[in-house]
Amino acid sequence: MSKEELKKVSDTKTTKLFKKGETIFAENEKLNGVFCVRNGVSKLSKLSPNGKDQIVKLASKGSVLGQRSVIVEEISNLSAVALNDMEACFIPKNAIVNTLNTNPNFAVEVLRHMAHDLKEADDVIVNMSQKTVKQRVAEAFIYLKNNFGEDKDGYLALTLSREDIANVVGTASESVIRIISEFKKKGLIKTFGKKVAIVDPQSLNNLAEAL
């Protein structure tokens, strides 16, 4: 974008705060703009026919939420819920669409961003079909460490409930609880309440990648 275009878009944005557990937007909702995450983490999920949530992405600082629905003018395919206290910028639909119509370079960048999201979705599908639940849980812990880091005590900085972990890897909460117990016995991880710390990252990674 040019400086003038950036200023026009910036002038339209508003800051929105979301508490942990608060819905940013719901599945099948008509969105009037996009959300840019400034702080915090959101889970993007889709409700399956059997009523179970499948988490398809964790969106953190710098992520844009709702752009596909706004650009193609469809209701939202996913819901977005804050996993912790969040701050996001809201940019109205008109500001996005006007810039798309007048700036080809911006349109190309948006397409690249959406193509990247599609690639991530493809990777999720492959993992679901080719990896065991145990491998997917191991991979989820590695992903959380690599993308969100650890706290001062060595535990994963982003704490997910056992249900959320199950919804990330596509299994039942009971299976996740059983696998976490097994990982602890093998010395791969340790836990403190809901918190998880990776003790043996190399062995956990070997497990995740073993096909």
N, C-alpha and C. Protein backbone atom coordinates (compact mmCIF):
# COMPACT_ATOMS: atom_id res chain seq x y z
N MET A 1 0.83 -1.20 0.00
CA MET A 1 0.00 0.00 0.00
C MET A 1 0.87 1.25 0.00
N SER A 2 0.35 2.31 -0.61
CA SER A 2 1.03 3.61 -0.54
C SER A 2 0.77 4.21 0.84
N LYS A 3 1.51 5.26 1.17
CA LYS A 3 1.30 5.92 2.46
C LYS A 3 -0.13 6.45 2.58
N GLU A 4 -0.63 6.96 1.48
CA GLU A 4 -1.99 7.51 1.49
C GLU A 4 -3.03 6.40 1.75
N GLU A 5 -2.82 5.25 1.09
CA GLU A 5 -3.74 4.13 1.28
C GLU A 5 -3.67 3.59 2.70
N LEU A 6 -2.45 3.50 3.21
CA LEU A 6 -2.28 3.03 4.58
C LEU A 6 -2.99 3.94 5.57
N LYS A 7 -2.88 5.25 5.32
CA LYS A 7 -3.51 6.21 6.22
C LYS A 7 -5.04 6.08 6.16
N LYS A 8 -5.57 5.90 4.95
CA LYS A 8 -7.02 5.76 4.79
C LYS A 8 -7.53 4.54 5.56
N VAL A 9 -6.82 3.43 5.41
CA VAL A 9 -7.22 2.20 6.11
C VAL A 9 -7.06 2.38 7.61
N SER A 10 -5.93 2.98 8.02
CA SER A 10 -5.65 3.18 9.44
C SER A 10 -6.71 4.06 10.10
N ASP A 11 -7.18 5.03 9.36
CA ASP A 11 -8.19 5.95 9.91
C ASP A 11 -9.54 5.25 10.15
N THR A 12 -9.74 4.14 9.48
CA THR A 12 -11.03 3.44 9.64
C THR A 12 -11.00 2.41 10.76
N LYS A 13 -9.81 2.02 11.22
CA LYS A 13 -9.72 0.90 12.17
C LYS A 13 -10.10 1.33 13.58
N THR A 14 -10.59 0.37 14.32
CA THR A 14 -10.90 0.57 15.74
C THR A 14 -10.26 -0.57 16.54
N THR A 15 -9.97 -0.32 17.80
CA THR A 15 -9.38 -1.34 18.66
C THR A 15 -10.46 -2.04 19.46
N LYS A 16 -10.39 -3.35 19.46
CA LYS A 16 -11.36 -4.15 20.21
C LYS A 16 -10.62 -5.05 21.20
N LEU A 17 -11.15 -5.17 22.41
CA LEU A 17 -10.57 -6.02 23.44
C LEU A 17 -11.49 -7.22 23.68
N PHE A 18 -10.88 -8.39 23.82
CA PHE A 18 -11.64 -9.61 24.06
C PHE A 18 -11.08 -10.33 25.28
N LYS A 19 -11.96 -10.74 26.17
CA LYS A 19 -11.55 -11.51 27.34
C LYS A 19 -11.37 -12.98 26.97
N LYS A 20 -10.58 -13.69 27.76
CA LYS A 20 -10.38 -15.13 27.55
C LYS A 20 -11.73 -15.84 27.48
N GLY A 21 -11.93 -16.62 26.43
CA GLY A 21 -13.17 -17.36 26.24
C GLY A 21 -14.24 -16.61 25.47
N GLU A 22 -13.99 -15.34 25.17
CA GLU A 22 -14.99 -14.52 24.46
C GLU A 22 -14.95 -14.82 22.96
N THR A 23 -16.13 -14.85 22.34
CA THR A 23 -16.23 -15.11 20.91
C THR A 23 -15.95 -13.84 20.12
N ILE A 24 -15.02 -13.93 19.17
CA ILE A 24 -14.71 -12.79 18.29
C ILE A 24 -15.71 -12.75 17.15
N PHE A 25 -15.92 -13.89 16.53
CA PHE A 25 -17.04 -14.05 15.60
C PHE A 25 -17.41 -15.53 15.57
N ALA A 26 -18.66 -15.79 15.18
CA ALA A 26 -19.18 -17.15 15.21
C ALA A 26 -19.25 -17.74 13.80
N GLU A 27 -19.26 -19.05 13.73
CA GLU A 27 -19.45 -19.74 12.45
C GLU A 27 -20.82 -19.36 11.89
N ASN A 28 -20.86 -19.14 10.58
CA ASN A 28 -22.08 -18.75 9.85
C ASN A 28 -22.49 -17.30 10.11
N GLU A 29 -21.59 -16.52 10.70
CA GLU A 29 -21.87 -15.09 10.92
C GLU A 29 -21.43 -14.28 9.70
N LYS A 30 -22.20 -13.26 9.37
CA LYS A 30 -21.81 -12.35 8.28
C LYS A 30 -20.87 -11.29 8.87
N LEU A 31 -19.66 -11.23 8.34
CA LEU A 31 -18.65 -10.33 8.89
C LEU A 31 -18.64 -9.01 8.13
N ASN A 32 -18.53 -7.93 8.88
CA ASN A 32 -18.49 -6.60 8.28
C ASN A 32 -17.08 -6.02 8.21
N GLY A 33 -16.09 -6.88 8.46
CA GLY A 33 -14.71 -6.42 8.42
C GLY A 33 -13.78 -7.53 8.89
N VAL A 34 -12.49 -7.22 8.96
CA VAL A 34 -11.49 -8.20 9.38
C VAL A 34 -10.87 -7.77 10.70
N PHE A 35 -10.30 -8.74 11.40
CA PHE A 35 -9.65 -8.50 12.69
C PHE A 35 -8.16 -8.79 12.54
N CYS A 36 -7.33 -7.87 12.99
CA CYS A 36 -5.88 -8.06 12.99
C CYS A 36 -5.44 -8.20 14.44
N VAL A 37 -4.85 -9.34 14.78
CA VAL A 37 -4.46 -9.62 16.17
C VAL A 37 -3.24 -8.79 16.55
N ARG A 38 -3.37 -8.01 17.61
CA ARG A 38 -2.23 -7.22 18.12
C ARG A 38 -1.57 -7.92 19.30
N ASN A 39 -2.37 -8.53 20.16
CA ASN A 39 -1.86 -9.27 21.30
C ASN A 39 -2.81 -10.41 21.62
N GLY A 40 -2.27 -11.52 22.15
CA GLY A 40 -3.10 -12.64 22.53
C GLY A 40 -3.20 -13.69 21.43
N VAL A 41 -3.98 -14.73 21.71
CA VAL A 41 -4.12 -15.86 20.79
C VAL A 41 -5.60 -16.23 20.67
N SER A 42 -6.00 -16.55 19.46
CA SER A 42 -7.38 -16.98 19.19
C SER A 42 -7.36 -18.37 18.56
N LYS A 43 -8.37 -19.16 18.87
CA LYS A 43 -8.52 -20.44 18.18
C LYS A 43 -9.60 -20.31 17.11
N LEU A 44 -9.29 -20.80 15.92
CA LEU A 44 -10.24 -20.82 14.82
C LEU A 44 -10.72 -22.26 14.68
N SER A 45 -12.03 -22.46 14.76
CA SER A 45 -12.54 -23.82 14.76
C SER A 45 -13.81 -23.94 13.93
N LYS A 46 -14.12 -25.19 13.57
CA LYS A 46 -15.33 -25.48 12.81
C LYS A 46 -16.09 -26.60 13.50
N LEU A 47 -17.39 -26.44 13.56
CA LEU A 47 -18.25 -27.44 14.21
C LEU A 47 -18.55 -28.56 13.22
N SER A 48 -18.26 -29.80 13.63
CA SER A 48 -18.52 -30.94 12.76
C SER A 48 -19.99 -31.35 12.87
N PRO A 49 -20.47 -32.19 11.94
CA PRO A 49 -21.88 -32.63 11.99
C PRO A 49 -22.27 -33.31 13.30
N ASN A 50 -21.28 -33.93 13.99
CA ASN A 50 -21.60 -34.62 15.25
C ASN A 50 -21.51 -33.69 16.46
N GLY A 51 -21.32 -32.38 16.18
CA GLY A 51 -21.32 -31.40 17.27
C GLY A 51 -19.99 -31.19 17.94
N LYS A 52 -18.89 -31.72 17.38
CA LYS A 52 -17.56 -31.58 17.97
C LYS A 52 -16.79 -30.48 17.25
N ASP A 53 -16.10 -29.65 18.03
CA ASP A 53 -15.28 -28.59 17.45
C ASP A 53 -13.97 -29.16 16.92
N GLN A 54 -13.57 -28.73 15.73
CA GLN A 54 -12.25 -29.07 15.20
C GLN A 54 -11.47 -27.77 15.07
N ILE A 55 -10.42 -27.63 15.88
CA ILE A 55 -9.59 -26.42 15.80
C ILE A 55 -8.68 -26.55 14.59
N VAL A 56 -8.76 -25.59 13.67
CA VAL A 56 -7.97 -25.66 12.44
C VAL A 56 -6.75 -24.74 12.48
N LYS A 57 -6.75 -23.77 13.41
CA LYS A 57 -5.61 -22.85 13.45
C LYS A 57 -5.61 -22.10 14.77
N LEU A 58 -4.40 -21.77 15.24
CA LEU A 58 -4.23 -20.87 16.37
C LEU A 58 -3.64 -19.58 15.83
N ALA A 59 -4.35 -18.49 16.02
CA ALA A 59 -3.95 -17.20 15.44
C ALA A 59 -3.36 -16.30 16.52
N SER A 60 -2.14 -15.83 16.30
CA SER A 60 -1.47 -14.97 17.28
C SER A 60 -1.14 -13.62 16.66
N LYS A 61 -0.28 -12.85 17.33
CA LYS A 61 0.07 -11.49 16.92
C LYS A 61 0.45 -11.44 15.44
N GLY A 62 -0.20 -10.52 14.70
CA GLY A 62 0.07 -10.36 13.28
C GLY A 62 -0.89 -11.11 12.38
N SER A 63 -1.67 -12.02 12.95
CA SER A 63 -2.63 -12.80 12.14
C SER A 63 -3.85 -11.95 11.79
N VAL A 64 -4.43 -12.26 10.64
CA VAL A 64 -5.65 -11.58 10.18
C VAL A 64 -6.79 -12.61 10.20
N LEU A 65 -7.90 -12.23 10.80
CA LEU A 65 -9.04 -13.13 10.93
C LEU A 65 -10.22 -12.62 10.10
N GLY A 66 -10.84 -13.53 9.37
CA GLY A 66 -12.06 -13.20 8.66
C GLY A 66 -11.88 -12.69 7.25
N GLN A 67 -10.64 -12.65 6.74
CA GLN A 67 -10.43 -12.04 5.43
C GLN A 67 -11.09 -12.82 4.29
N ARG A 68 -11.11 -14.16 4.38
CA ARG A 68 -11.72 -14.94 3.31
C ARG A 68 -13.20 -14.64 3.18
N SER A 69 -13.89 -14.62 4.31
CA SER A 69 -15.34 -14.37 4.29
C SER A 69 -15.67 -12.99 3.76
N VAL A 70 -14.85 -12.00 4.15
CA VAL A 70 -15.09 -10.63 3.72
C VAL A 70 -14.85 -10.48 2.22
N ILE A 71 -13.76 -11.07 1.73
CA ILE A 71 -13.38 -10.89 0.32
C ILE A 71 -14.34 -11.61 -0.62
N VAL A 72 -14.74 -12.84 -0.25
CA VAL A 72 -15.64 -13.59 -1.14
C VAL A 72 -17.11 -13.34 -0.82
N GLU A 73 -17.35 -12.49 0.19
CA GLU A 73 -18.71 -12.10 0.57
C GLU A 73 -19.57 -13.32 0.91
N GLU A 74 -19.02 -14.16 1.79
CA GLU A 74 -19.75 -15.31 2.30
C GLU A 74 -19.80 -15.25 3.82
N ILE A 75 -20.73 -16.00 4.40
CA ILE A 75 -20.76 -16.09 5.86
C ILE A 75 -19.49 -16.80 6.33
N SER A 76 -19.12 -16.58 7.56
CA SER A 76 -17.88 -17.15 8.08
C SER A 76 -17.96 -18.68 8.13
N ASN A 77 -16.89 -19.31 7.66
CA ASN A 77 -16.80 -20.76 7.67
C ASN A 77 -16.31 -21.30 9.01
N LEU A 78 -15.73 -20.39 9.83
CA LEU A 78 -15.13 -20.78 11.11
C LEU A 78 -15.61 -19.85 12.21
N SER A 79 -15.39 -20.27 13.44
CA SER A 79 -15.61 -19.37 14.57
C SER A 79 -14.25 -19.01 15.15
N ALA A 80 -14.15 -17.88 15.82
CA ALA A 80 -12.91 -17.42 16.45
C ALA A 80 -13.20 -17.10 17.91
N VAL A 81 -12.44 -17.71 18.81
CA VAL A 81 -12.63 -17.52 20.25
C VAL A 81 -11.28 -17.20 20.88
N ALA A 82 -11.24 -16.22 21.77
CA ALA A 82 -10.01 -15.83 22.44
C ALA A 82 -9.56 -16.90 23.43
N LEU A 83 -8.30 -17.34 23.31
CA LEU A 83 -7.75 -18.32 24.25
C LEU A 83 -7.18 -17.64 25.49
N ASN A 84 -6.87 -16.36 25.36
CA ASN A 84 -6.46 -15.53 26.49
C ASN A 84 -6.92 -14.11 26.19
N ASP A 85 -6.65 -13.18 27.09
CA ASP A 85 -7.08 -11.80 26.83
C ASP A 85 -6.41 -11.30 25.55
N MET A 86 -7.22 -10.74 24.67
CA MET A 86 -6.73 -10.35 23.35
C MET A 86 -7.01 -8.88 23.04
N GLU A 87 -6.16 -8.33 22.19
CA GLU A 87 -6.39 -7.01 21.62
C GLU A 87 -6.30 -7.14 20.11
N ALA A 88 -7.29 -6.63 19.40
CA ALA A 88 -7.30 -6.73 17.94
C ALA A 88 -7.78 -5.43 17.31
N CYS A 89 -7.27 -5.16 16.13
CA CYS A 89 -7.76 -4.03 15.35
C CYS A 89 -8.86 -4.53 14.42
N PHE A 90 -9.95 -3.78 14.33
CA PHE A 90 -11.03 -4.13 13.41
C PHE A 90 -11.00 -3.15 12.25
N ILE A 91 -10.91 -3.68 11.02
CA ILE A 91 -10.91 -2.85 9.81
C ILE A 91 -12.18 -3.15 9.02
N PRO A 92 -13.02 -2.14 8.78
CA PRO A 92 -14.29 -2.36 8.08
C PRO A 92 -14.11 -2.93 6.68
N LYS A 93 -15.11 -3.66 6.24
CA LYS A 93 -15.09 -4.31 4.93
C LYS A 93 -14.83 -3.33 3.80
N ASN A 94 -15.47 -2.16 3.83
CA ASN A 94 -15.33 -1.20 2.73
C ASN A 94 -13.89 -0.78 2.51
N ALA A 95 -13.15 -0.59 3.61
CA ALA A 95 -11.75 -0.16 3.49
C ALA A 95 -10.92 -1.23 2.79
N ILE A 96 -11.19 -2.50 3.10
CA ILE A 96 -10.46 -3.60 2.47
C ILE A 96 -10.83 -3.74 1.00
N VAL A 97 -12.12 -3.76 0.71
CA VAL A 97 -12.59 -3.96 -0.66
C VAL A 97 -12.17 -2.81 -1.57
N ASN A 98 -12.27 -1.59 -1.09
CA ASN A 98 -11.87 -0.43 -1.90
C ASN A 98 -10.39 -0.51 -2.29
N THR A 99 -9.55 -0.91 -1.34
CA THR A 99 -8.12 -1.01 -1.62
C THR A 99 -7.84 -2.16 -2.59
N LEU A 100 -8.56 -3.28 -2.43
CA LEU A 100 -8.40 -4.39 -3.37
C LEU A 100 -8.73 -3.97 -4.80
N ASN A 101 -9.77 -3.15 -4.94
CA ASN A 101 -10.23 -2.74 -6.26
C ASN A 101 -9.31 -1.72 -6.93
N THR A 102 -8.51 -1.03 -6.13
CA THR A 102 -7.68 0.05 -6.68
C THR A 102 -6.18 -0.23 -6.64
N ASN A 103 -5.77 -1.28 -5.92
CA ASN A 103 -4.34 -1.55 -5.77
C ASN A 103 -4.06 -3.02 -6.11
N PRO A 104 -3.59 -3.31 -7.33
CA PRO A 104 -3.31 -4.70 -7.73
C PRO A 104 -2.26 -5.38 -6.85
N ASN A 105 -1.25 -4.63 -6.41
CA ASN A 105 -0.20 -5.21 -5.57
C ASN A 105 -0.77 -5.72 -4.25
N PHE A 106 -1.70 -4.93 -3.68
CA PHE A 106 -2.35 -5.34 -2.43
C PHE A 106 -3.18 -6.60 -2.66
N ALA A 107 -3.87 -6.65 -3.81
CA ALA A 107 -4.70 -7.81 -4.14
C ALA A 107 -3.85 -9.08 -4.24
N VAL A 108 -2.66 -8.95 -4.85
CA VAL A 108 -1.76 -10.09 -4.98
C VAL A 108 -1.28 -10.57 -3.61
N GLU A 109 -0.96 -9.63 -2.73
CA GLU A 109 -0.50 -9.99 -1.39
C GLU A 109 -1.60 -10.70 -0.60
N VAL A 110 -2.82 -10.25 -0.77
CA VAL A 110 -3.95 -10.91 -0.10
C VAL A 110 -4.11 -12.33 -0.63
N LEU A 111 -3.96 -12.51 -1.94
CA LEU A 111 -4.05 -13.84 -2.54
C LEU A 111 -2.95 -14.76 -2.01
N ARG A 112 -1.75 -14.21 -1.85
CA ARG A 112 -0.63 -15.00 -1.32
C ARG A 112 -0.93 -15.44 0.12
N HIS A 113 -1.51 -14.52 0.88
CA HIS A 113 -1.84 -14.82 2.27
C HIS A 113 -2.88 -15.93 2.34
N MET A 114 -3.89 -15.84 1.48
CA MET A 114 -4.94 -16.86 1.47
C MET A 114 -4.41 -18.19 0.96
N ALA A 115 -3.46 -18.15 0.01
CA ALA A 115 -2.85 -19.38 -0.50
C ALA A 115 -2.05 -20.07 0.60
N HIS A 116 -1.39 -19.26 1.44
CA HIS A 116 -0.63 -19.82 2.57
C HIS A 116 -1.58 -20.52 3.55
N ASP A 117 -2.72 -19.90 3.82
CA ASP A 117 -3.73 -20.51 4.70
C ASP A 117 -4.23 -21.83 4.12
N LEU A 118 -4.39 -21.86 2.80
CA LEU A 118 -4.85 -23.08 2.13
C LEU A 118 -3.81 -24.18 2.25
N LYS A 119 -2.53 -23.82 2.13
CA LYS A 119 -1.45 -24.80 2.28
C LYS A 119 -1.46 -25.39 3.69
N GLU A 120 -1.66 -24.52 4.70
CA GLU A 120 -1.72 -25.00 6.09
C GLU A 120 -2.89 -25.97 6.27
N ALA A 121 -4.02 -25.65 5.64
CA ALA A 121 -5.18 -26.53 5.72
C ALA A 121 -4.89 -27.89 5.07
N ASP A 122 -4.16 -27.87 3.95
CA ASP A 122 -3.76 -29.12 3.29
C ASP A 122 -2.89 -29.97 4.20
N ASP A 123 -1.95 -29.31 4.89
CA ASP A 123 -1.06 -30.02 5.81
C ASP A 123 -1.84 -30.68 6.95
N VAL A 124 -2.85 -29.98 7.46
CA VAL A 124 -3.70 -30.54 8.52
C VAL A 124 -4.40 -31.80 8.03
N ILE A 125 -4.92 -31.75 6.82
CA ILE A 125 -5.63 -32.89 6.25
C ILE A 125 -4.70 -34.09 6.11
N VAL A 126 -3.48 -33.84 5.63
CA VAL A 126 -2.50 -34.93 5.47
C VAL A 126 -2.15 -35.54 6.83
N ASN A 127 -1.93 -34.69 7.84
CA ASN A 127 -1.60 -35.18 9.17
C ASN A 127 -2.72 -36.04 9.75
N MET A 128 -3.94 -35.59 9.54
CA MET A 128 -5.09 -36.31 10.07
C MET A 128 -5.19 -37.71 9.45
N SER A 129 -4.84 -37.81 8.18
CA SER A 129 -5.02 -39.07 7.46
C SER A 129 -3.83 -40.01 7.60
N GLN A 130 -2.62 -39.46 7.84
CA GLN A 130 -1.43 -40.30 7.81
C GLN A 130 -0.77 -40.52 9.16
N LYS A 131 -1.05 -39.67 10.15
CA LYS A 131 -0.39 -39.81 11.44
C LYS A 131 -1.35 -40.33 12.50
N THR A 132 -0.80 -41.07 13.46
CA THR A 132 -1.61 -41.58 14.56
C THR A 132 -1.96 -40.44 15.51
N VAL A 133 -2.92 -40.67 16.38
CA VAL A 133 -3.31 -39.66 17.37
C VAL A 133 -2.11 -39.32 18.26
N LYS A 134 -1.35 -40.33 18.64
CA LYS A 134 -0.18 -40.11 19.50
C LYS A 134 0.84 -39.19 18.81
N GLN A 135 1.06 -39.41 17.52
CA GLN A 135 1.98 -38.56 16.76
C GLN A 135 1.46 -37.13 16.67
N ARG A 136 0.14 -37.00 16.49
CA ARG A 136 -0.44 -35.66 16.36
C ARG A 136 -0.37 -34.89 17.68
N VAL A 137 -0.53 -35.58 18.80
CA VAL A 137 -0.40 -34.92 20.11
C VAL A 137 1.04 -34.45 20.30
N ALA A 138 2.01 -35.31 19.98
CA ALA A 138 3.43 -34.94 20.08
C ALA A 138 3.72 -33.72 19.20
N GLU A 139 3.20 -33.75 17.99
CA GLU A 139 3.42 -32.64 17.05
C GLU A 139 2.78 -31.35 17.57
N ALA A 140 1.62 -31.48 18.22
CA ALA A 140 0.94 -30.30 18.76
C ALA A 140 1.78 -29.63 19.84
N PHE A 141 2.40 -30.42 20.72
CA PHE A 141 3.25 -29.85 21.77
C PHE A 141 4.48 -29.16 21.16
N ILE A 142 5.06 -29.78 20.15
CA ILE A 142 6.22 -29.17 19.49
C ILE A 142 5.83 -27.86 18.81
N TYR A 143 4.66 -27.87 18.17
CA TYR A 143 4.16 -26.65 17.52
C TYR A 143 3.97 -25.53 18.54
N LEU A 144 3.38 -25.86 19.69
CA LEU A 144 3.13 -24.85 20.73
C LEU A 144 4.45 -24.26 21.24
N LYS A 145 5.46 -25.11 21.40
CA LYS A 145 6.76 -24.63 21.87
C LYS A 145 7.42 -23.74 20.82
N ASN A 146 7.42 -24.18 19.56
CA ASN A 146 8.11 -23.45 18.50
C ASN A 146 7.45 -22.12 18.17
N ASN A 147 6.12 -22.07 18.30
CA ASN A 147 5.39 -20.87 17.87
C ASN A 147 5.04 -19.91 19.00
N PHE A 148 4.94 -20.42 20.23
CA PHE A 148 4.52 -19.55 21.33
C PHE A 148 5.53 -19.52 22.48
N GLY A 149 6.54 -20.39 22.42
CA GLY A 149 7.61 -20.35 23.41
C GLY A 149 7.24 -20.95 24.76
N GLU A 150 8.11 -20.69 25.73
CA GLU A 150 7.95 -21.23 27.08
C GLU A 150 7.98 -20.10 28.10
N ASP A 151 7.39 -20.36 29.27
CA ASP A 151 7.44 -19.35 30.33
C ASP A 151 8.75 -19.50 31.11
N LYS A 152 8.91 -18.70 32.13
CA LYS A 152 10.18 -18.67 32.88
C LYS A 152 10.47 -20.00 33.59
N ASP A 153 9.44 -20.82 33.79
CA ASP A 153 9.62 -22.10 34.46
C ASP A 153 9.78 -23.26 33.47
N GLY A 154 9.78 -22.94 32.18
CA GLY A 154 9.98 -23.97 31.16
C GLY A 154 8.72 -24.64 30.67
N TYR A 155 7.56 -24.16 31.12
CA TYR A 155 6.29 -24.70 30.64
C TYR A 155 5.85 -23.96 29.37
N LEU A 156 5.06 -24.62 28.54
CA LEU A 156 4.57 -23.99 27.32
C LEU A 156 3.82 -22.70 27.68
N ALA A 157 4.18 -21.62 26.98
CA ALA A 157 3.61 -20.31 27.31
C ALA A 157 2.11 -20.26 27.04
N LEU A 158 1.66 -20.98 26.01
CA LEU A 158 0.23 -21.03 25.71
C LEU A 158 -0.34 -22.31 26.30
N THR A 159 -1.20 -22.16 27.29
CA THR A 159 -1.80 -23.31 27.95
C THR A 159 -3.14 -23.64 27.32
N LEU A 160 -3.25 -24.84 26.77
CA LEU A 160 -4.51 -25.30 26.19
C LEU A 160 -5.14 -26.33 27.12
N SER A 161 -6.45 -26.32 27.20
CA SER A 161 -7.15 -27.35 27.96
C SER A 161 -6.98 -28.68 27.24
N ARG A 162 -7.21 -29.78 27.97
CA ARG A 162 -7.13 -31.10 27.33
C ARG A 162 -8.16 -31.21 26.20
N GLU A 163 -9.30 -30.54 26.39
CA GLU A 163 -10.33 -30.57 25.34
C GLU A 163 -9.86 -29.83 24.09
N ASP A 164 -9.19 -28.68 24.29
CA ASP A 164 -8.67 -27.93 23.14
C ASP A 164 -7.60 -28.73 22.40
N ILE A 165 -6.72 -29.39 23.15
CA ILE A 165 -5.71 -30.23 22.50
C ILE A 165 -6.38 -31.32 21.67
N ALA A 166 -7.42 -31.93 22.26
CA ALA A 166 -8.17 -32.96 21.54
C ALA A 166 -8.80 -32.40 20.27
N ASN A 167 -9.29 -31.16 20.35
CA ASN A 167 -9.92 -30.53 19.19
C ASN A 167 -8.90 -30.11 18.14
N VAL A 168 -7.66 -29.91 18.55
CA VAL A 168 -6.59 -29.60 17.60
C VAL A 168 -6.22 -30.85 16.80
N VAL A 169 -6.07 -31.98 17.50
CA VAL A 169 -5.57 -33.19 16.84
C VAL A 169 -6.70 -34.09 16.32
N GLY A 170 -7.94 -33.76 16.66
CA GLY A 170 -9.07 -34.52 16.14
C GLY A 170 -9.31 -35.84 16.83
N THR A 171 -9.40 -35.81 18.16
CA THR A 171 -9.67 -37.02 18.92
C THR A 171 -10.51 -36.68 20.15
N ALA A 172 -10.73 -37.67 21.01
CA ALA A 172 -11.50 -37.45 22.23
C ALA A 172 -10.59 -36.97 23.36
N SER A 173 -11.15 -36.20 24.28
CA SER A 173 -10.37 -35.69 25.42
C SER A 173 -9.76 -36.84 26.22
N GLU A 174 -10.50 -37.93 26.36
CA GLU A 174 -10.00 -39.08 27.11
C GLU A 174 -8.73 -39.65 26.49
N SER A 175 -8.66 -39.65 25.18
CA SER A 175 -7.45 -40.15 24.49
C SER A 175 -6.26 -39.25 24.76
N VAL A 176 -6.50 -37.93 24.75
CA VAL A 176 -5.41 -36.98 25.03
C VAL A 176 -4.90 -37.16 26.46
N ILE A 177 -5.81 -37.31 27.41
CA ILE A 177 -5.41 -37.50 28.81
C ILE A 177 -4.56 -38.76 28.95
N ARG A 178 -4.97 -39.82 28.26
CA ARG A 178 -4.22 -41.09 28.33
C ARG A 178 -2.84 -40.94 27.68
N ILE A 179 -2.76 -40.24 26.55
CA ILE A 179 -1.48 -40.06 25.86
C ILE A 179 -0.55 -39.17 26.66
N ILE A 180 -1.08 -38.13 27.28
CA ILE A 180 -0.25 -37.25 28.12
C ILE A 180 0.33 -38.05 29.28
N SER A 181 -0.47 -38.91 29.87
CA SER A 181 0.00 -39.76 30.97
C SER A 181 1.13 -40.67 30.49
N GLU A 182 0.98 -41.21 29.29
CA GLU A 182 2.02 -42.08 28.72
C GLU A 182 3.30 -41.30 28.44
N PHE A 183 3.16 -40.09 27.89
CA PHE A 183 4.33 -39.24 27.61
C PHE A 183 5.08 -38.91 28.90
N LYS A 184 4.33 -38.67 29.99
CA LYS A 184 4.95 -38.37 31.28
C LYS A 184 5.75 -39.57 31.79
N LYS A 185 5.17 -40.76 31.69
CA LYS A 185 5.85 -41.97 32.16
C LYS A 185 7.14 -42.22 31.38
N LYS A 186 7.13 -41.84 30.10
CA LYS A 186 8.32 -42.04 29.27
C LYS A 186 9.34 -40.92 29.42
N GLY A 187 8.99 -39.89 30.22
CA GLY A 187 9.91 -38.79 30.45
C GLY A 187 9.99 -37.78 29.31
N LEU A 188 8.99 -37.78 28.44
CA LEU A 188 8.97 -36.85 27.31
C LEU A 188 8.49 -35.46 27.74
N ILE A 189 7.55 -35.43 28.68
CA ILE A 189 6.98 -34.17 29.15
C ILE A 189 6.79 -34.24 30.66
N LYS A 190 6.48 -33.11 31.27
CA LYS A 190 6.01 -33.07 32.65
C LYS A 190 4.85 -32.07 32.69
N THR A 191 4.01 -32.20 33.70
CA THR A 191 2.84 -31.32 33.79
C THR A 191 2.72 -30.72 35.18
N PHE A 192 2.02 -29.59 35.23
CA PHE A 192 1.67 -28.95 36.49
C PHE A 192 0.28 -28.36 36.30
N GLY A 193 -0.75 -29.08 36.75
CA GLY A 193 -2.11 -28.67 36.44
C GLY A 193 -2.34 -28.83 34.94
N LYS A 194 -2.82 -27.77 34.30
CA LYS A 194 -3.02 -27.80 32.85
C LYS A 194 -1.73 -27.53 32.08
N LYS A 195 -0.72 -27.04 32.78
CA LYS A 195 0.53 -26.67 32.11
C LYS A 195 1.32 -27.90 31.69
N VAL A 196 2.01 -27.76 30.56
CA VAL A 196 2.84 -28.85 30.02
C VAL A 196 4.23 -28.31 29.71
N ALA A 197 5.26 -29.05 30.10
CA ALA A 197 6.64 -28.71 29.77
C ALA A 197 7.25 -29.86 28.99
N ILE A 198 7.97 -29.56 27.93
CA ILE A 198 8.63 -30.59 27.14
C ILE A 198 10.00 -30.88 27.76
N VAL A 199 10.19 -32.11 28.19
CA VAL A 199 11.43 -32.52 28.86
C VAL A 199 12.45 -33.06 27.86
N ASP A 200 11.97 -33.83 26.90
CA ASP A 200 12.86 -34.46 25.90
C ASP A 200 12.36 -34.10 24.50
N PRO A 201 12.70 -32.88 24.02
CA PRO A 201 12.18 -32.44 22.72
C PRO A 201 12.60 -33.31 21.55
N GLN A 202 13.82 -33.86 21.60
CA GLN A 202 14.30 -34.68 20.48
C GLN A 202 13.49 -35.96 20.34
N SER A 203 13.25 -36.64 21.46
CA SER A 203 12.47 -37.88 21.41
C SER A 203 11.02 -37.60 21.02
N LEU A 204 10.49 -36.48 21.51
CA LEU A 204 9.11 -36.11 21.16
C LEU A 204 9.01 -35.83 19.66
N ASN A 205 10.02 -35.14 19.12
CA ASN A 205 10.04 -34.83 17.69
C ASN A 205 10.19 -36.10 16.87
N ASN A 206 11.05 -37.03 17.33
CA ASN A 206 11.21 -38.30 16.62
C ASN A 206 9.89 -39.06 16.56
N LEU A 207 9.16 -39.03 17.67
CA LEU A 207 7.86 -39.69 17.71
C LEU A 207 6.89 -39.05 16.73
N ALA A 208 6.87 -37.72 16.70
CA ALA A 208 5.94 -37.00 15.82
C ALA A 208 6.23 -37.27 14.33
N GLU A 209 7.52 -37.45 13.99
CA GLU A 209 7.90 -37.58 12.59
C GLU A 209 7.96 -39.03 12.12
N ALA A 210 7.90 -39.99 13.04
CA ALA A 210 8.01 -41.40 12.66
C ALA A 210 6.76 -41.84 11.89
N LEU A 211 6.96 -42.31 10.69
CA LEU A 211 5.83 -42.75 9.86
C LEU A 211 5.97 -44.25 9.53
